[in-house]
Amino acid sequence: MSAKTRVIYELPADLDQSRLPKHIAVIMDGNGRWAKRRGLPRTMGHRRGVDALKEALRCCRDWGVQALTAYAFSTENWGRPLEEVDFLMALFERVLMRELREMMEEEVRIQFVGNLTALPKSLQKQIEYSMEETKTNKGILFTIATNYGGRQEILSACRKIATQVKQGLIQPEDIDETLFEQHLYTAGMCHPDLLIRTSGELRISNFLLWQLAYAEIYVTDTLWPDFDHTELHLALSSYQKRERRFGKV
């Protein structure tokens, strides 16, 4: 389906566009359980999860959300069965190749964050190509966290800053939040306003530990493959009922 003929998601009437989050982060949990409940292999849950992510991205784009960050593969996910890991790596590559044309038509800017050097070489090349092709697009920023871990990201930033101090390029007293953020994978990105986690799990699973400091958190029992525009509407309705004080009165 091309961008000219695809479904356009109209902003629900009860949502205030001026109060939408600028940046939404999602922990896409429940693909395996979705498949298991249907007697299907876990890989089918991951396939259906890609469709759910596409719908979420298009809703965000159509409704005016500026950025969407999806937790696709954590540093801990390498502990899953080898067949599943291999399938996911191949799936990421196929989806990027298949969807790039539509991403270009829809002005989506693609970005990957994480330790990408550990990924298969062919996937690394496809990631580099996709980011280069879309870097001048003016639409929504779509960030995929792949081989990502929040603790590892913070440690990496600390090592880079420590090296600069050792080399005499900066002094310890120069280190502040602004400098620290320049060394994170997400340098230059605004922090998420809303974190959505599916499948009912009440944890953030080493995701964006620094960046989520003041994000609103929305948890739903819905499994990720069933997360559609209606579910996103519910999450945004909940978000707009909250008062964000950032530690103030």
C-alpha atoms as a PDB file:
ATOM      1  CA  MET A   1       0.000   0.000   0.000  1.00  0.00           C
ATOM      2  CA  SER A   2       1.514   3.326  -0.997  1.00  0.00           C
ATOM      3  CA  ALA A   3       1.373   6.484   1.043  1.00  0.00           C
ATOM      4  CA  LYS A   4      -1.211   7.855  -1.416  1.00  0.00           C
ATOM      5  CA  THR A   5      -3.702   5.044  -0.884  1.00  0.00           C
ATOM      6  CA  ARG A   6      -3.072   3.974   2.702  1.00  0.00           C
ATOM      7  CA  VAL A   7      -5.509   4.481   5.560  1.00  0.00           C
ATOM      8  CA  ILE A   8      -5.307   7.898   7.218  1.00  0.00           C
ATOM      9  CA  TYR A   9      -5.899   7.798  10.967  1.00  0.00           C
ATOM     10  CA  GLU A  10      -7.990  10.790  12.002  1.00  0.00           C
ATOM     11  CA  LEU A  11      -7.227  12.288  15.408  1.00  0.00           C
ATOM     12  CA  PRO A  12      -9.975  11.170  17.835  1.00  0.00           C
ATOM     13  CA  ALA A  13     -12.297  14.049  18.671  1.00  0.00           C
ATOM     14  CA  ASP A  14     -11.699  13.798  22.423  1.00  0.00           C
ATOM     15  CA  LEU A  15      -7.938  14.311  22.124  1.00  0.00           C
ATOM     16  CA  ASP A  16      -6.434  17.785  22.357  1.00  0.00           C
ATOM     17  CA  GLN A  17      -3.741  17.968  19.683  1.00  0.00           C
ATOM     18  CA  SER A  18      -1.944  20.765  21.536  1.00  0.00           C
ATOM     19  CA  ARG A  19      -1.501  18.438  24.527  1.00  0.00           C
ATOM     20  CA  LEU A  20      -0.225  15.357  22.732  1.00  0.00           C
ATOM     21  CA  PRO A  21       3.182  14.022  23.816  1.00  0.00           C
ATOM     22  CA  LYS A  22       5.960  15.130  21.527  1.00  0.00           C
ATOM     23  CA  HIS A  23       7.808  11.843  22.022  1.00  0.00           C
ATOM     24  CA  ILE A  24       6.340   8.416  22.789  1.00  0.00           C
ATOM     25  CA  ALA A  25       8.461   5.417  23.790  1.00  0.00           C
ATOM     26  CA  VAL A  26       7.061   1.886  23.644  1.00  0.00           C
ATOM     27  CA  ILE A  27       8.128  -1.392  25.231  1.00  0.00           C
ATOM     28  CA  MET A  28       6.570  -3.906  22.840  1.00  0.00           C
ATOM     29  CA  ASP A  29       5.994  -6.804  25.208  1.00  0.00           C
ATOM     30  CA  GLY A  30       3.924  -9.934  24.678  1.00  0.00           C
ATOM     31  CA  ASN A  31       4.700 -11.197  21.165  1.00  0.00           C
ATOM     32  CA  GLY A  32       5.626 -14.665  22.406  1.00  0.00           C
ATOM     33  CA  ARG A  33       2.603 -14.961  24.688  1.00  0.00           C
ATOM     34  CA  TRP A  34       0.308 -13.795  21.899  1.00  0.00           C
ATOM     35  CA  ALA A  35       1.568 -16.621  19.692  1.00  0.00           C
ATOM     36  CA  LYS A  36       1.499 -19.225  22.464  1.00  0.00           C
ATOM     37  CA  ARG A  37      -2.154 -18.510  23.281  1.00  0.00           C
ATOM     38  CA  ARG A  38      -2.987 -19.251  19.658  1.00  0.00           C
ATOM     39  CA  GLY A  39      -0.870 -22.382  19.396  1.00  0.00           C
ATOM     40  CA  LEU A  40       1.536 -20.652  17.031  1.00  0.00           C
ATOM     41  CA  PRO A  41       5.338 -20.482  17.026  1.00  0.00           C
ATOM     42  CA  ARG A  42       6.808 -17.422  18.756  1.00  0.00           C
ATOM     43  CA  THR A  43       8.053 -16.153  15.400  1.00  0.00           C
ATOM     44  CA  MET A  44       4.456 -15.524  14.331  1.00  0.00           C
ATOM     45  CA  GLY A  45       4.028 -13.222  17.305  1.00  0.00           C
ATOM     46  CA  HIS A  46       7.052 -11.214  16.202  1.00  0.00           C
ATOM     47  CA  ARG A  47       5.672 -10.974  12.652  1.00  0.00           C
ATOM     48  CA  ARG A  48       2.353  -9.698  13.963  1.00  0.00           C
ATOM     49  CA  GLY A  49       4.233  -7.331  16.244  1.00  0.00           C
ATOM     50  CA  VAL A  50       5.790  -5.644  13.201  1.00  0.00           C
ATOM     51  CA  ASP A  51       2.296  -4.901  11.864  1.00  0.00           C
ATOM     52  CA  ALA A  52       1.305  -3.401  15.223  1.00  0.00           C
ATOM     53  CA  LEU A  53       4.405  -1.201  15.194  1.00  0.00           C
ATOM     54  CA  LYS A  54       3.619   0.033  11.684  1.00  0.00           C
ATOM     55  CA  GLU A  55       0.117   1.003  12.772  1.00  0.00           C
ATOM     56  CA  ALA A  56       1.426   2.789  15.873  1.00  0.00           C
ATOM     57  CA  LEU A  57       3.977   4.698  13.785  1.00  0.00           C
ATOM     58  CA  ARG A  58       1.370   5.800  11.267  1.00  0.00           C
ATOM     59  CA  CYS A  59      -1.052   6.865  13.981  1.00  0.00           C
ATOM     60  CA  CYS A  60       1.646   8.933  15.627  1.00  0.00           C
ATOM     61  CA  ARG A  61       2.542  10.484  12.289  1.00  0.00           C
ATOM     62  CA  ASP A  62      -1.068  11.281  11.377  1.00  0.00           C
ATOM     63  CA  TRP A  63      -1.958  12.618  14.817  1.00  0.00           C
ATOM     64  CA  GLY A  64       1.040  14.926  15.096  1.00  0.00           C
ATOM     65  CA  VAL A  65       3.395  13.115  17.484  1.00  0.00           C
ATOM     66  CA  GLN A  66       6.937  14.166  16.616  1.00  0.00           C
ATOM     67  CA  ALA A  67       8.898  11.085  17.693  1.00  0.00           C
ATOM     68  CA  LEU A  68       8.325   7.391  18.400  1.00  0.00           C
ATOM     69  CA  THR A  69      10.989   5.166  19.972  1.00  0.00           C
ATOM     70  CA  ALA A  70      10.468   1.394  20.021  1.00  0.00           C
ATOM     71  CA  TYR A  71      12.381  -1.110  22.156  1.00  0.00           C
ATOM     72  CA  ALA A  72      13.030  -3.772  19.535  1.00  0.00           C
ATOM     73  CA  PHE A  73      15.868  -5.873  20.985  1.00  0.00           C
ATOM     74  CA  SER A  74      17.577  -5.518  24.359  1.00  0.00           C
ATOM     75  CA  THR A  75      21.093  -6.505  25.350  1.00  0.00           C
ATOM     76  CA  GLU A  76      19.476  -9.229  27.466  1.00  0.00           C
ATOM     77  CA  ASN A  77      17.568 -10.683  24.510  1.00  0.00           C
ATOM     78  CA  TRP A  78      20.709 -12.468  23.298  1.00  0.00           C
ATOM     79  CA  GLY A  79      19.862 -15.038  25.998  1.00  0.00           C
ATOM     80  CA  ARG A  80      16.810 -16.201  24.044  1.00  0.00           C
ATOM     81  CA  PRO A  81      16.949 -19.418  21.951  1.00  0.00           C
ATOM     82  CA  LEU A  82      19.379 -19.084  19.054  1.00  0.00           C
ATOM     83  CA  GLU A  83      16.681 -19.815  16.461  1.00  0.00           C
ATOM     84  CA  GLU A  84      14.553 -16.939  17.765  1.00  0.00           C
ATOM     85  CA  VAL A  85      17.478 -14.506  17.839  1.00  0.00           C
ATOM     86  CA  ASP A  86      18.470 -15.443  14.280  1.00  0.00           C
ATOM     87  CA  PHE A  87      14.877 -15.012  13.154  1.00  0.00           C
ATOM     88  CA  LEU A  88      14.649 -11.557  14.733  1.00  0.00           C
ATOM     89  CA  MET A  89      17.880 -10.376  13.119  1.00  0.00           C
ATOM     90  CA  ALA A  90      16.660 -11.563   9.725  1.00  0.00           C
ATOM     91  CA  LEU A  91      13.238 -10.039  10.346  1.00  0.00           C
ATOM     92  CA  PHE A  92      14.727  -6.629  11.181  1.00  0.00           C
ATOM     93  CA  GLU A  93      16.703  -6.698   7.940  1.00  0.00           C
ATOM     94  CA  ARG A  94      13.762  -7.804   5.771  1.00  0.00           C
ATOM     95  CA  VAL A  95      11.427  -5.214   7.255  1.00  0.00           C
ATOM     96  CA  LEU A  96      13.920  -2.412   6.676  1.00  0.00           C
ATOM     97  CA  MET A  97      14.384  -3.436   3.054  1.00  0.00           C
ATOM     98  CA  ARG A  98      10.653  -3.862   2.478  1.00  0.00           C
ATOM     99  CA  GLU A  99       9.435  -0.717   4.212  1.00  0.00           C
ATOM    100  CA  LEU A 100      12.102   1.813   3.254  1.00  0.00           C
ATOM    101  CA  ARG A 101      10.292   3.054   0.159  1.00  0.00           C
ATOM    102  CA  GLU A 102       7.121   3.805   2.127  1.00  0.00           C
ATOM    103  CA  MET A 103       9.140   5.421   4.899  1.00  0.00           C
ATOM    104  CA  MET A 104      10.618   7.742   2.297  1.00  0.00           C
ATOM    105  CA  GLU A 105       7.188   8.547   0.823  1.00  0.00           C
ATOM    106  CA  GLU A 106       5.846   9.322   4.281  1.00  0.00           C
ATOM    107  CA  GLU A 107       8.871  11.463   5.241  1.00  0.00           C
ATOM    108  CA  VAL A 108       9.789   9.213   8.201  1.00  0.00           C
ATOM    109  CA  ARG A 109      13.305   9.726   9.578  1.00  0.00           C
ATOM    110  CA  ILE A 110      14.778   6.438  10.834  1.00  0.00           C
ATOM    111  CA  GLN A 111      17.339   6.217  13.623  1.00  0.00           C
ATOM    112  CA  PHE A 112      18.818   3.230  15.455  1.00  0.00           C
ATOM    113  CA  VAL A 113      20.282   3.389  18.956  1.00  0.00           C
ATOM    114  CA  GLY A 114      22.225   0.750  20.844  1.00  0.00           C
ATOM    115  CA  ASN A 115      25.467  -1.169  20.419  1.00  0.00           C
ATOM    116  CA  LEU A 116      24.991  -1.793  16.719  1.00  0.00           C
ATOM    117  CA  THR A 117      28.487  -3.247  16.213  1.00  0.00           C
ATOM    118  CA  ALA A 118      27.333  -6.569  17.701  1.00  0.00           C
ATOM    119  CA  LEU A 119      24.641  -7.035  15.038  1.00  0.00           C
ATOM    120  CA  PRO A 120      25.124  -9.152  11.884  1.00  0.00           C
ATOM    121  CA  LYS A 121      27.142  -7.275   9.272  1.00  0.00           C
ATOM    122  CA  SER A 122      24.380  -7.381   6.672  1.00  0.00           C
ATOM    123  CA  LEU A 123      21.924  -5.871   9.154  1.00  0.00           C
ATOM    124  CA  GLN A 124      24.440  -3.176  10.081  1.00  0.00           C
ATOM    125  CA  LYS A 125      24.745  -2.230   6.409  1.00  0.00           C
ATOM    126  CA  GLN A 126      20.975  -2.064   5.991  1.00  0.00           C
ATOM    127  CA  ILE A 127      20.674   0.077   9.119  1.00  0.00           C
ATOM    128  CA  GLU A 128      23.354   2.478   7.883  1.00  0.00           C
ATOM    129  CA  TYR A 129      21.696   2.683   4.474  1.00  0.00           C
ATOM    130  CA  SER A 130      18.229   3.314   5.945  1.00  0.00           C
ATOM    131  CA  MET A 131      19.466   6.058   8.252  1.00  0.00           C
ATOM    132  CA  GLU A 132      21.432   7.729   5.459  1.00  0.00           C
ATOM    133  CA  GLU A 133      18.513   7.594   3.017  1.00  0.00           C
ATOM    134  CA  THR A 134      16.013   9.088   5.465  1.00  0.00           C
ATOM    135  CA  LYS A 135      18.216  11.588   7.330  1.00  0.00           C
ATOM    136  CA  THR A 136      16.793  14.637   5.533  1.00  0.00           C
ATOM    137  CA  ASN A 137      13.145  13.594   5.859  1.00  0.00           C
ATOM    138  CA  LYS A 138      11.013  16.129   7.711  1.00  0.00           C
ATOM    139  CA  GLY A 139       8.391  13.847   9.254  1.00  0.00           C
ATOM    140  CA  ILE A 140       8.260  11.837  12.455  1.00  0.00           C
ATOM    141  CA  LEU A 141      11.526  10.607  13.982  1.00  0.00           C
ATOM    142  CA  PHE A 142      11.270   6.821  14.289  1.00  0.00           C
ATOM    143  CA  THR A 143      13.947   5.414  16.596  1.00  0.00           C
ATOM    144  CA  ILE A 144      14.512   1.675  16.972  1.00  0.00           C
ATOM    145  CA  ALA A 145      16.440   0.599  20.076  1.00  0.00           C
ATOM    146  CA  THR A 146      18.346  -2.507  18.977  1.00  0.00           C
ATOM    147  CA  ASN A 147      20.892  -4.335  21.141  1.00  0.00           C
ATOM    148  CA  TYR A 148      20.094  -1.552  23.567  1.00  0.00           C
ATOM    149  CA  GLY A 149      20.560  -1.450  27.342  1.00  0.00           C
ATOM    150  CA  GLY A 150      20.073   1.615  29.506  1.00  0.00           C
ATOM    151  CA  ARG A 151      22.827   0.721  31.964  1.00  0.00           C
ATOM    152  CA  GLN A 152      25.237  -0.031  29.144  1.00  0.00           C
ATOM    153  CA  GLU A 153      24.402   3.308  27.517  1.00  0.00           C
ATOM    154  CA  ILE A 154      25.173   5.197  30.734  1.00  0.00           C
ATOM    155  CA  LEU A 155      28.417   3.273  31.272  1.00  0.00           C
ATOM    156  CA  SER A 156      29.484   4.002  27.707  1.00  0.00           C
ATOM    157  CA  ALA A 157      28.848   7.716  28.226  1.00  0.00           C
ATOM    158  CA  CYS A 158      30.854   7.647  31.475  1.00  0.00           C
ATOM    159  CA  ARG A 159      33.800   5.986  29.763  1.00  0.00           C
ATOM    160  CA  LYS A 160      33.805   8.545  26.939  1.00  0.00           C
ATOM    161  CA  ILE A 161      33.713  11.447  29.394  1.00  0.00           C
ATOM    162  CA  ALA A 162      36.407   9.864  31.605  1.00  0.00           C
ATOM    163  CA  THR A 163      38.639   9.524  28.550  1.00  0.00           C
ATOM    164  CA  GLN A 164      38.176  13.219  27.756  1.00  0.00           C
ATOM    165  CA  VAL A 165      39.037  14.149  31.344  1.00  0.00           C
ATOM    166  CA  LYS A 166      42.142  11.924  31.230  1.00  0.00           C
ATOM    167  CA  GLN A 167      43.236  13.590  27.996  1.00  0.00           C
ATOM    168  CA  GLY A 168      42.782  17.015  29.548  1.00  0.00           C
ATOM    169  CA  LEU A 169      40.055  18.000  27.076  1.00  0.00           C
ATOM    170  CA  ILE A 170      37.573  18.769  29.866  1.00  0.00           C
ATOM    171  CA  GLN A 171      37.706  19.228  33.632  1.00  0.00           C
ATOM    172  CA  PRO A 172      35.540  17.275  36.116  1.00  0.00           C
ATOM    173  CA  GLU A 173      33.688  20.470  37.015  1.00  0.00           C
ATOM    174  CA  ASP A 174      32.664  20.817  33.346  1.00  0.00           C
ATOM    175  CA  ILE A 175      30.512  17.703  33.592  1.00  0.00           C
ATOM    176  CA  ASP A 176      26.817  18.535  33.792  1.00  0.00           C
ATOM    177  CA  GLU A 177      23.597  17.031  32.427  1.00  0.00           C
ATOM    178  CA  THR A 178      23.982  18.752  29.063  1.00  0.00           C
ATOM    179  CA  LEU A 179      27.489  17.404  28.510  1.00  0.00           C
ATOM    180  CA  PHE A 180      26.508  13.945  29.739  1.00  0.00           C
ATOM    181  CA  GLU A 181      23.585  13.739  27.332  1.00  0.00           C
ATOM    182  CA  GLN A 182      25.861  14.552  24.431  1.00  0.00           C
ATOM    183  CA  HIS A 183      27.503  11.151  24.972  1.00  0.00           C
ATOM    184  CA  LEU A 184      24.317   9.082  25.096  1.00  0.00           C
ATOM    185  CA  TYR A 185      23.020   7.109  22.115  1.00  0.00           C
ATOM    186  CA  THR A 186      20.069   9.513  22.060  1.00  0.00           C
ATOM    187  CA  ALA A 187      22.139  12.710  21.870  1.00  0.00           C
ATOM    188  CA  GLY A 188      20.076  15.512  20.372  1.00  0.00           C
ATOM    189  CA  MET A 189      16.705  13.838  20.933  1.00  0.00           C
ATOM    190  CA  CYS A 190      14.021  15.229  23.218  1.00  0.00           C
ATOM    191  CA  HIS A 191      13.145  12.975  26.158  1.00  0.00           C
ATOM    192  CA  PRO A 192      10.008  10.818  25.957  1.00  0.00           C
ATOM    193  CA  ASP A 193       6.890  12.373  27.440  1.00  0.00           C
ATOM    194  CA  LEU A 194       5.040   9.057  27.545  1.00  0.00           C
ATOM    195  CA  LEU A 195       6.199   5.459  27.987  1.00  0.00           C
ATOM    196  CA  ILE A 196       3.761   2.758  26.921  1.00  0.00           C
ATOM    197  CA  ARG A 197       4.314  -0.823  28.052  1.00  0.00           C
ATOM    198  CA  THR A 198       2.107  -3.652  26.872  1.00  0.00           C
ATOM    199  CA  SER A 199       1.333  -7.073  28.430  1.00  0.00           C
ATOM    200  CA  GLY A 200       0.801  -5.722  31.944  1.00  0.00           C
ATOM    201  CA  GLU A 201       4.391  -5.952  33.158  1.00  0.00           C
ATOM    202  CA  LEU A 202       5.222  -3.213  35.693  1.00  0.00           C
ATOM    203  CA  ARG A 203       8.886  -2.529  34.922  1.00  0.00           C
ATOM    204  CA  ILE A 204      10.964  -0.568  32.434  1.00  0.00           C
ATOM    205  CA  SER A 205      13.422  -3.379  31.671  1.00  0.00           C
ATOM    206  CA  ASN A 206      16.645  -1.376  31.307  1.00  0.00           C
ATOM    207  CA  PHE A 207      15.061   0.940  28.727  1.00  0.00           C
ATOM    208  CA  LEU A 208      16.037   4.631  28.472  1.00  0.00           C
ATOM    209  CA  LEU A 209      16.941   4.824  32.179  1.00  0.00           C
ATOM    210  CA  TRP A 210      18.247   8.384  31.932  1.00  0.00           C
ATOM    211  CA  GLN A 211      15.705   9.668  29.418  1.00  0.00           C
ATOM    212  CA  LEU A 212      12.542   8.410  31.190  1.00  0.00           C
ATOM    213  CA  ALA A 213      13.200  10.352  34.401  1.00  0.00           C
ATOM    214  CA  TYR A 214       9.971  12.368  34.092  1.00  0.00           C
ATOM    215  CA  ALA A 215       8.005  10.412  31.507  1.00  0.00           C
ATOM    216  CA  GLU A 216       4.412   9.492  32.234  1.00  0.00           C
ATOM    217  CA  ILE A 217       4.010   5.697  32.281  1.00  0.00           C
ATOM    218  CA  TYR A 218       1.033   3.864  30.809  1.00  0.00           C
ATOM    219  CA  VAL A 219       0.721   0.089  31.222  1.00  0.00           C
ATOM    220  CA  THR A 220      -1.897  -2.027  29.470  1.00  0.00           C
ATOM    221  CA  ASP A 221      -2.634  -5.744  29.731  1.00  0.00           C
ATOM    222  CA  THR A 222      -3.010  -5.835  25.939  1.00  0.00           C
ATOM    223  CA  LEU A 223      -0.280  -7.884  24.264  1.00  0.00           C
ATOM    224  CA  TRP A 224       1.761  -5.949  21.728  1.00  0.00           C
ATOM    225  CA  PRO A 225       0.434  -7.704  18.582  1.00  0.00           C
ATOM    226  CA  ASP A 226      -3.070  -6.569  19.595  1.00  0.00           C
ATOM    227  CA  PHE A 227      -2.005  -2.971  20.247  1.00  0.00           C
ATOM    228  CA  ASP A 228      -3.754  -0.898  17.585  1.00  0.00           C
ATOM    229  CA  HIS A 229      -4.942   2.681  17.054  1.00  0.00           C
ATOM    230  CA  THR A 230      -7.764   2.153  19.557  1.00  0.00           C
ATOM    231  CA  GLU A 231      -5.262   1.113  22.227  1.00  0.00           C
ATOM    232  CA  LEU A 232      -3.038   4.091  21.399  1.00  0.00           C
ATOM    233  CA  HIS A 233      -6.081   6.339  21.758  1.00  0.00           C
ATOM    234  CA  LEU A 234      -6.656   4.958  25.270  1.00  0.00           C
ATOM    235  CA  ALA A 235      -3.024   5.587  26.194  1.00  0.00           C
ATOM    236  CA  LEU A 236      -3.171   9.174  24.972  1.00  0.00           C
ATOM    237  CA  SER A 237      -6.488   9.785  26.726  1.00  0.00           C
ATOM    238  CA  SER A 238      -4.868   8.648  29.981  1.00  0.00           C
ATOM    239  CA  TYR A 239      -1.855  10.883  29.320  1.00  0.00           C
ATOM    240  CA  GLN A 240      -3.999  13.943  28.768  1.00  0.00           C
ATOM    241  CA  LYS A 241      -5.772  13.460  32.095  1.00  0.00           C
ATOM    242  CA  ARG A 242      -2.496  13.799  33.991  1.00  0.00           C
ATOM    243  CA  GLU A 243      -0.840  16.894  35.364  1.00  0.00           C
ATOM    244  CA  ARG A 244       2.889  16.953  34.688  1.00  0.00           C
ATOM    245  CA  ARG A 245       4.695  18.840  37.449  1.00  0.00           C
ATOM    246  CA  PHE A 246       8.321  17.658  36.961  1.00  0.00           C
ATOM    247  CA  GLY A 247       8.887  17.610  40.706  1.00  0.00           C
ATOM    248  CA  LYS A 248       7.324  21.005  41.270  1.00  0.00           C
ATOM    249  CA  VAL A 249       4.064  21.908  43.024  1.00  0.00           C
END
